[in-house]
Amino acid sequence: GCGRKRIESELFRRRVPRELWDEALEEVPPSDDVLDTLLRNRLRGASPYDRTALKRATDALQRRGFSWDEIHSAVERCKQDYNEEQEY
């Protein structure tokens, strides 16, 4: 449940030699599914259009080390899913 930046920070904190970082980071799975789940959990049922709830959720994801591009993509997917649910 952590982004690339958080993992890099942990590797640095644990004094893992930098020459091993690339190999370790290659093993990190794509974060889309994890990020989508974390975003939905952070919204706690609130609409992704609720600015306050969305700000709180995205700030929490940034603290977990996800990049803004990753978060933005997850928000767009969440909004699309929300709109599809509202149509039914």
N, C-alpha and C. Protein backbone atom coordinates (compact mmCIF):
# COMPACT_ATOMS: atom_id res chain seq x y z
N GLY A 1 0.79 -1.20 0.00
CA GLY A 1 0.00 0.00 0.00
C GLY A 1 0.83 1.27 0.00
N CYS A 2 2.04 1.20 -0.53
CA CYS A 2 2.90 2.37 -0.56
C CYS A 2 3.35 2.66 -1.98
N GLY A 3 3.60 3.92 -2.23
CA GLY A 3 4.08 4.34 -3.54
C GLY A 3 5.59 4.25 -3.65
N ARG A 4 6.06 4.50 -4.84
CA ARG A 4 7.48 4.40 -5.15
C ARG A 4 8.34 5.30 -4.25
N LYS A 5 7.89 6.53 -4.03
CA LYS A 5 8.67 7.46 -3.21
C LYS A 5 8.82 6.95 -1.77
N ARG A 6 7.76 6.37 -1.24
CA ARG A 6 7.80 5.84 0.12
C ARG A 6 8.75 4.65 0.21
N ILE A 7 8.74 3.82 -0.83
CA ILE A 7 9.64 2.67 -0.85
C ILE A 7 11.09 3.13 -0.94
N GLU A 8 11.35 4.13 -1.79
CA GLU A 8 12.70 4.68 -1.88
C GLU A 8 13.15 5.24 -0.55
N SER A 9 12.26 5.91 0.13
CA SER A 9 12.58 6.48 1.44
C SER A 9 12.93 5.38 2.44
N GLU A 10 12.18 4.28 2.40
CA GLU A 10 12.45 3.14 3.30
C GLU A 10 13.79 2.50 2.98
N LEU A 11 14.09 2.35 1.69
CA LEU A 11 15.38 1.78 1.30
C LEU A 11 16.52 2.66 1.80
N PHE A 12 16.35 3.96 1.69
CA PHE A 12 17.37 4.89 2.17
C PHE A 12 17.51 4.80 3.69
N ARG A 13 16.36 4.79 4.37
CA ARG A 13 16.37 4.74 5.84
C ARG A 13 17.03 3.46 6.35
N ARG A 14 16.81 2.38 5.64
CA ARG A 14 17.39 1.10 6.06
C ARG A 14 18.81 0.88 5.52
N ARG A 15 19.33 1.92 4.86
CA ARG A 15 20.70 1.94 4.35
C ARG A 15 20.99 0.82 3.36
N VAL A 16 20.02 0.54 2.51
CA VAL A 16 20.23 -0.41 1.43
C VAL A 16 21.08 0.29 0.38
N PRO A 17 22.14 -0.33 -0.09
CA PRO A 17 23.01 0.32 -1.09
C PRO A 17 22.21 0.71 -2.34
N ARG A 18 22.47 1.90 -2.85
CA ARG A 18 21.73 2.44 -3.99
C ARG A 18 21.82 1.55 -5.23
N GLU A 19 22.89 0.83 -5.38
CA GLU A 19 23.00 -0.03 -6.56
C GLU A 19 21.98 -1.17 -6.55
N LEU A 20 21.37 -1.44 -5.41
CA LEU A 20 20.35 -2.48 -5.31
C LEU A 20 18.93 -1.92 -5.45
N TRP A 21 18.78 -0.61 -5.42
CA TRP A 21 17.46 0.01 -5.45
C TRP A 21 16.70 -0.32 -6.73
N ASP A 22 17.35 -0.19 -7.88
CA ASP A 22 16.65 -0.43 -9.16
C ASP A 22 16.08 -1.84 -9.22
N GLU A 23 16.89 -2.80 -8.78
CA GLU A 23 16.43 -4.19 -8.78
C GLU A 23 15.23 -4.37 -7.85
N ALA A 24 15.30 -3.76 -6.69
CA ALA A 24 14.20 -3.88 -5.73
C ALA A 24 12.94 -3.18 -6.25
N LEU A 25 13.10 -2.01 -6.85
CA LEU A 25 11.95 -1.25 -7.34
C LEU A 25 11.30 -1.90 -8.56
N GLU A 26 12.06 -2.70 -9.32
CA GLU A 26 11.48 -3.41 -10.46
C GLU A 26 10.49 -4.47 -10.01
N GLU A 27 10.66 -4.96 -8.80
CA GLU A 27 9.79 -6.01 -8.28
C GLU A 27 8.48 -5.47 -7.69
N VAL A 28 8.38 -4.16 -7.59
CA VAL A 28 7.17 -3.54 -7.06
C VAL A 28 6.07 -3.66 -8.11
N PRO A 29 4.92 -4.24 -7.74
CA PRO A 29 3.83 -4.39 -8.73
C PRO A 29 3.22 -3.04 -9.07
N PRO A 30 2.54 -2.97 -10.22
CA PRO A 30 1.84 -1.72 -10.57
C PRO A 30 0.85 -1.36 -9.48
N SER A 31 0.71 -0.07 -9.22
CA SER A 31 -0.05 0.36 -8.06
C SER A 31 -1.49 0.73 -8.34
N ASP A 32 -1.98 0.57 -9.57
CA ASP A 32 -3.32 1.02 -9.91
C ASP A 32 -4.41 0.40 -9.03
N ASP A 33 -4.41 -0.92 -8.91
CA ASP A 33 -5.46 -1.58 -8.12
C ASP A 33 -5.37 -1.20 -6.65
N VAL A 34 -4.16 -1.19 -6.13
CA VAL A 34 -3.96 -0.84 -4.72
C VAL A 34 -4.38 0.61 -4.49
N LEU A 35 -3.98 1.48 -5.38
CA LEU A 35 -4.30 2.90 -5.25
C LEU A 35 -5.80 3.15 -5.33
N ASP A 36 -6.47 2.46 -6.25
CA ASP A 36 -7.93 2.61 -6.37
C ASP A 36 -8.63 2.18 -5.08
N THR A 37 -8.19 1.08 -4.51
CA THR A 37 -8.78 0.58 -3.27
C THR A 37 -8.51 1.55 -2.12
N LEU A 38 -7.28 2.03 -2.02
CA LEU A 38 -6.95 2.97 -0.95
C LEU A 38 -7.77 4.26 -1.07
N LEU A 39 -7.94 4.75 -2.30
CA LEU A 39 -8.71 5.97 -2.51
C LEU A 39 -10.16 5.77 -2.08
N ARG A 40 -10.77 4.67 -2.51
CA ARG A 40 -12.17 4.40 -2.12
C ARG A 40 -12.30 4.29 -0.61
N ASN A 41 -11.34 3.62 0.02
CA ASN A 41 -11.38 3.48 1.48
C ASN A 41 -11.23 4.83 2.17
N ARG A 42 -10.36 5.67 1.64
CA ARG A 42 -10.15 6.99 2.24
C ARG A 42 -11.35 7.90 2.06
N LEU A 43 -12.06 7.74 0.96
CA LEU A 43 -13.26 8.56 0.74
C LEU A 43 -14.41 8.13 1.66
N ARG A 44 -14.36 6.90 2.14
CA ARG A 44 -15.36 6.38 3.08
C ARG A 44 -16.79 6.62 2.61
N GLY A 45 -17.04 6.31 1.36
CA GLY A 45 -18.39 6.43 0.83
C GLY A 45 -18.76 7.82 0.36
N ALA A 46 -17.91 8.80 0.56
CA ALA A 46 -18.19 10.16 0.09
C ALA A 46 -18.03 10.21 -1.42
N SER A 47 -18.67 11.15 -2.02
CA SER A 47 -18.56 11.36 -3.46
C SER A 47 -17.15 11.83 -3.81
N PRO A 48 -16.61 11.36 -4.94
CA PRO A 48 -15.30 11.87 -5.35
C PRO A 48 -15.36 13.33 -5.79
N TYR A 49 -16.56 13.90 -5.82
CA TYR A 49 -16.72 15.31 -6.15
C TYR A 49 -16.78 16.19 -4.91
N ASP A 50 -16.79 15.57 -3.73
CA ASP A 50 -16.76 16.30 -2.46
C ASP A 50 -15.32 16.78 -2.26
N ARG A 51 -15.10 18.07 -2.44
CA ARG A 51 -13.74 18.62 -2.44
C ARG A 51 -13.00 18.37 -1.14
N THR A 52 -13.68 18.49 -0.02
CA THR A 52 -13.03 18.31 1.28
C THR A 52 -12.59 16.86 1.46
N ALA A 53 -13.48 15.91 1.18
CA ALA A 53 -13.15 14.49 1.32
C ALA A 53 -12.07 14.09 0.33
N LEU A 54 -12.14 14.61 -0.88
CA LEU A 54 -11.16 14.28 -1.90
C LEU A 54 -9.78 14.83 -1.52
N LYS A 55 -9.74 16.03 -1.01
CA LYS A 55 -8.47 16.65 -0.59
C LYS A 55 -7.84 15.82 0.52
N ARG A 56 -8.64 15.44 1.49
CA ARG A 56 -8.14 14.63 2.60
C ARG A 56 -7.59 13.29 2.09
N ALA A 57 -8.32 12.67 1.18
CA ALA A 57 -7.91 11.37 0.65
C ALA A 57 -6.64 11.48 -0.19
N THR A 58 -6.56 12.47 -1.05
CA THR A 58 -5.38 12.61 -1.91
C THR A 58 -4.15 13.00 -1.09
N ASP A 59 -4.33 13.81 -0.07
CA ASP A 59 -3.20 14.16 0.80
C ASP A 59 -2.65 12.91 1.49
N ALA A 60 -3.54 12.04 1.93
CA ALA A 60 -3.12 10.80 2.60
C ALA A 60 -2.35 9.91 1.62
N LEU A 61 -2.80 9.87 0.38
CA LEU A 61 -2.11 9.05 -0.62
C LEU A 61 -0.74 9.62 -0.95
N GLN A 62 -0.63 10.94 -0.98
CA GLN A 62 0.68 11.55 -1.22
C GLN A 62 1.64 11.23 -0.08
N ARG A 63 1.13 11.23 1.14
CA ARG A 63 1.98 10.89 2.29
C ARG A 63 2.45 9.44 2.22
N ARG A 64 1.69 8.60 1.53
CA ARG A 64 2.09 7.20 1.37
C ARG A 64 3.09 7.01 0.25
N GLY A 65 3.43 8.09 -0.44
CA GLY A 65 4.48 8.02 -1.45
C GLY A 65 4.03 7.88 -2.88
N PHE A 66 2.74 8.05 -3.13
CA PHE A 66 2.27 7.98 -4.51
C PHE A 66 2.49 9.33 -5.18
N SER A 67 2.79 9.30 -6.47
CA SER A 67 3.01 10.54 -7.21
C SER A 67 1.67 11.19 -7.54
N TRP A 68 1.73 12.49 -7.85
CA TRP A 68 0.50 13.20 -8.19
C TRP A 68 -0.13 12.61 -9.45
N ASP A 69 0.68 12.20 -10.42
CA ASP A 69 0.13 11.61 -11.65
C ASP A 69 -0.64 10.32 -11.35
N GLU A 70 -0.09 9.49 -10.47
CA GLU A 70 -0.78 8.25 -10.09
C GLU A 70 -2.09 8.56 -9.37
N ILE A 71 -2.04 9.53 -8.47
CA ILE A 71 -3.24 9.91 -7.70
C ILE A 71 -4.29 10.50 -8.63
N HIS A 72 -3.87 11.37 -9.53
CA HIS A 72 -4.81 11.99 -10.47
C HIS A 72 -5.51 10.93 -11.32
N SER A 73 -4.77 9.96 -11.80
CA SER A 73 -5.37 8.88 -12.59
C SER A 73 -6.37 8.09 -11.76
N ALA A 74 -6.03 7.82 -10.51
CA ALA A 74 -6.94 7.08 -9.64
C ALA A 74 -8.22 7.88 -9.37
N VAL A 75 -8.08 9.19 -9.19
CA VAL A 75 -9.26 10.04 -8.96
C VAL A 75 -10.16 10.02 -10.19
N GLU A 76 -9.56 10.11 -11.37
CA GLU A 76 -10.36 10.07 -12.60
C GLU A 76 -11.08 8.74 -12.74
N ARG A 77 -10.42 7.63 -12.43
CA ARG A 77 -11.08 6.32 -12.48
C ARG A 77 -12.21 6.24 -11.46
N CYS A 78 -11.98 6.80 -10.29
CA CYS A 78 -12.99 6.79 -9.23
C CYS A 78 -14.21 7.61 -9.65
N LYS A 79 -13.98 8.76 -10.26
CA LYS A 79 -15.09 9.60 -10.73
C LYS A 79 -15.87 8.89 -11.82
N GLN A 80 -15.16 8.21 -12.73
CA GLN A 80 -15.82 7.48 -13.80
C GLN A 80 -16.69 6.36 -13.22
N ASP A 81 -16.15 5.60 -12.26
CA ASP A 81 -16.93 4.54 -11.62
C ASP A 81 -18.14 5.11 -10.89
N TYR A 82 -17.95 6.23 -10.22
CA TYR A 82 -19.04 6.87 -9.48
C TYR A 82 -20.15 7.29 -10.44
N ASN A 83 -19.77 7.89 -11.57
CA ASN A 83 -20.76 8.32 -12.55
C ASN A 83 -21.52 7.13 -13.13
N GLU A 84 -20.83 6.03 -13.37
CA GLU A 84 -21.48 4.83 -13.89
C GLU A 84 -22.46 4.26 -12.87
N GLU A 85 -22.08 4.28 -11.59
CA GLU A 85 -22.99 3.80 -10.53
C GLU A 85 -24.23 4.68 -10.43
N GLN A 86 -24.08 5.98 -10.61
CA GLN A 86 -25.20 6.90 -10.50
C GLN A 86 -26.18 6.73 -11.66
N GLU A 87 -25.69 6.27 -12.81
CA GLU A 87 -26.57 6.07 -13.95
C GLU A 87 -27.53 4.93 -13.74
N TYR A 88 -27.14 3.95 -12.93
CA TYR A 88 -27.99 2.78 -12.70
C TYR A 88 -28.93 3.08 -11.62
